[in-house]
């Protein structure tokens, strides 16, 4: 897979996760906290965000080395 495409996908997932996390955080603050769905959704978004951020970091590290792939910048 082209590292530039991977970086764009990871950035998109990170931005969507941030926006959804902010929306769910407001829902958790202003809504009732006994809703288990909000907690599970917020934690799932966190897992997606950190997974995407880790993938993005690894692809940036490997992109600078000469592995025969394109250098994403």
Protein backbone atom coordinates (compact mmCIF):
# COMPACT_ATOMS: atom_id res chain seq x y z
CA UNK A 1 0.00 0.00 0.00
CA UNK A 2 1.23 3.47 -0.80
CA UNK A 3 2.28 5.22 2.41
CA UNK A 4 0.74 8.51 1.29
CA UNK A 5 -2.68 6.86 1.04
CA UNK A 6 -2.17 5.20 4.43
CA UNK A 7 -1.25 8.56 5.99
CA UNK A 8 -4.37 10.22 4.56
CA UNK A 9 -6.60 7.42 5.82
CA UNK A 10 -5.05 7.61 9.31
CA UNK A 11 -5.34 11.41 9.45
CA UNK A 12 -8.98 11.19 8.40
CA UNK A 13 -9.72 8.60 11.09
CA UNK A 14 -7.94 10.75 13.69
CA UNK A 15 -9.90 13.89 12.76
CA UNK A 16 -13.23 12.01 12.73
CA UNK A 17 -12.35 10.42 16.09
CA UNK A 18 -11.57 13.80 17.61
CA UNK A 19 -14.84 15.30 16.37
CA UNK A 20 -16.90 12.31 17.51
CA UNK A 21 -15.07 12.24 20.85
CA UNK A 22 -15.87 15.90 21.48
CA UNK A 23 -19.54 15.32 20.61
CA UNK A 24 -19.75 12.26 22.87
CA UNK A 25 -17.94 14.09 25.66
CA UNK A 26 -20.56 16.82 25.59
CA UNK A 27 -23.28 14.16 25.56
CA UNK A 28 -21.69 12.51 28.60
CA UNK A 29 -21.37 15.84 30.43
CA UNK A 30 -24.86 17.14 29.72
CA UNK A 31 -26.68 13.81 29.49
CA UNK A 32 -27.27 11.11 32.03
CA UNK A 33 -24.13 9.16 32.89
CA UNK A 34 -25.95 5.88 33.47
CA UNK A 35 -26.08 5.25 29.71
CA UNK A 36 -23.64 2.43 28.99
CA UNK A 37 -23.75 3.07 25.24
CA UNK A 38 -22.05 6.49 25.55
CA UNK A 39 -19.20 5.05 27.58
CA UNK A 40 -18.60 2.17 25.17
CA UNK A 41 -18.83 4.47 22.14
CA UNK A 42 -16.37 6.96 23.68
CA UNK A 43 -13.89 4.20 24.51
CA UNK A 44 -14.24 2.69 21.02
CA UNK A 45 -13.48 6.07 19.46
CA UNK A 46 -10.41 6.32 21.68
CA UNK A 47 -9.18 2.93 20.51
CA UNK A 48 -9.67 3.96 16.85
CA UNK A 49 -7.85 7.24 17.44
CA UNK A 50 -4.83 5.72 19.17
CA UNK A 51 -4.64 2.90 16.62
CA UNK A 52 -4.66 5.39 13.77
CA UNK A 53 -2.14 7.63 15.48
CA UNK A 54 0.21 4.69 16.10
CA UNK A 55 -0.13 3.52 12.48
CA UNK A 56 0.55 7.05 11.29
CA UNK A 57 3.65 7.33 13.49
CA UNK A 58 5.04 4.01 12.26
CA UNK A 59 4.41 4.88 8.61
CA UNK A 60 6.15 8.24 9.10
CA UNK A 61 9.17 6.50 10.66
CA UNK A 62 9.39 3.87 7.95
CA UNK A 63 8.67 6.37 5.17
CA UNK A 64 12.01 8.10 5.66
CA UNK A 65 14.01 4.89 5.20
CA UNK A 66 14.93 3.45 1.83
CA UNK A 67 12.59 0.48 1.66
CA UNK A 68 11.77 0.96 -1.99
CA UNK A 69 8.53 2.81 -1.24
CA UNK A 70 7.55 6.38 -1.81
CA UNK A 71 8.49 8.96 0.80
CA UNK A 72 5.21 10.44 2.12
CA UNK A 73 5.43 14.16 2.73
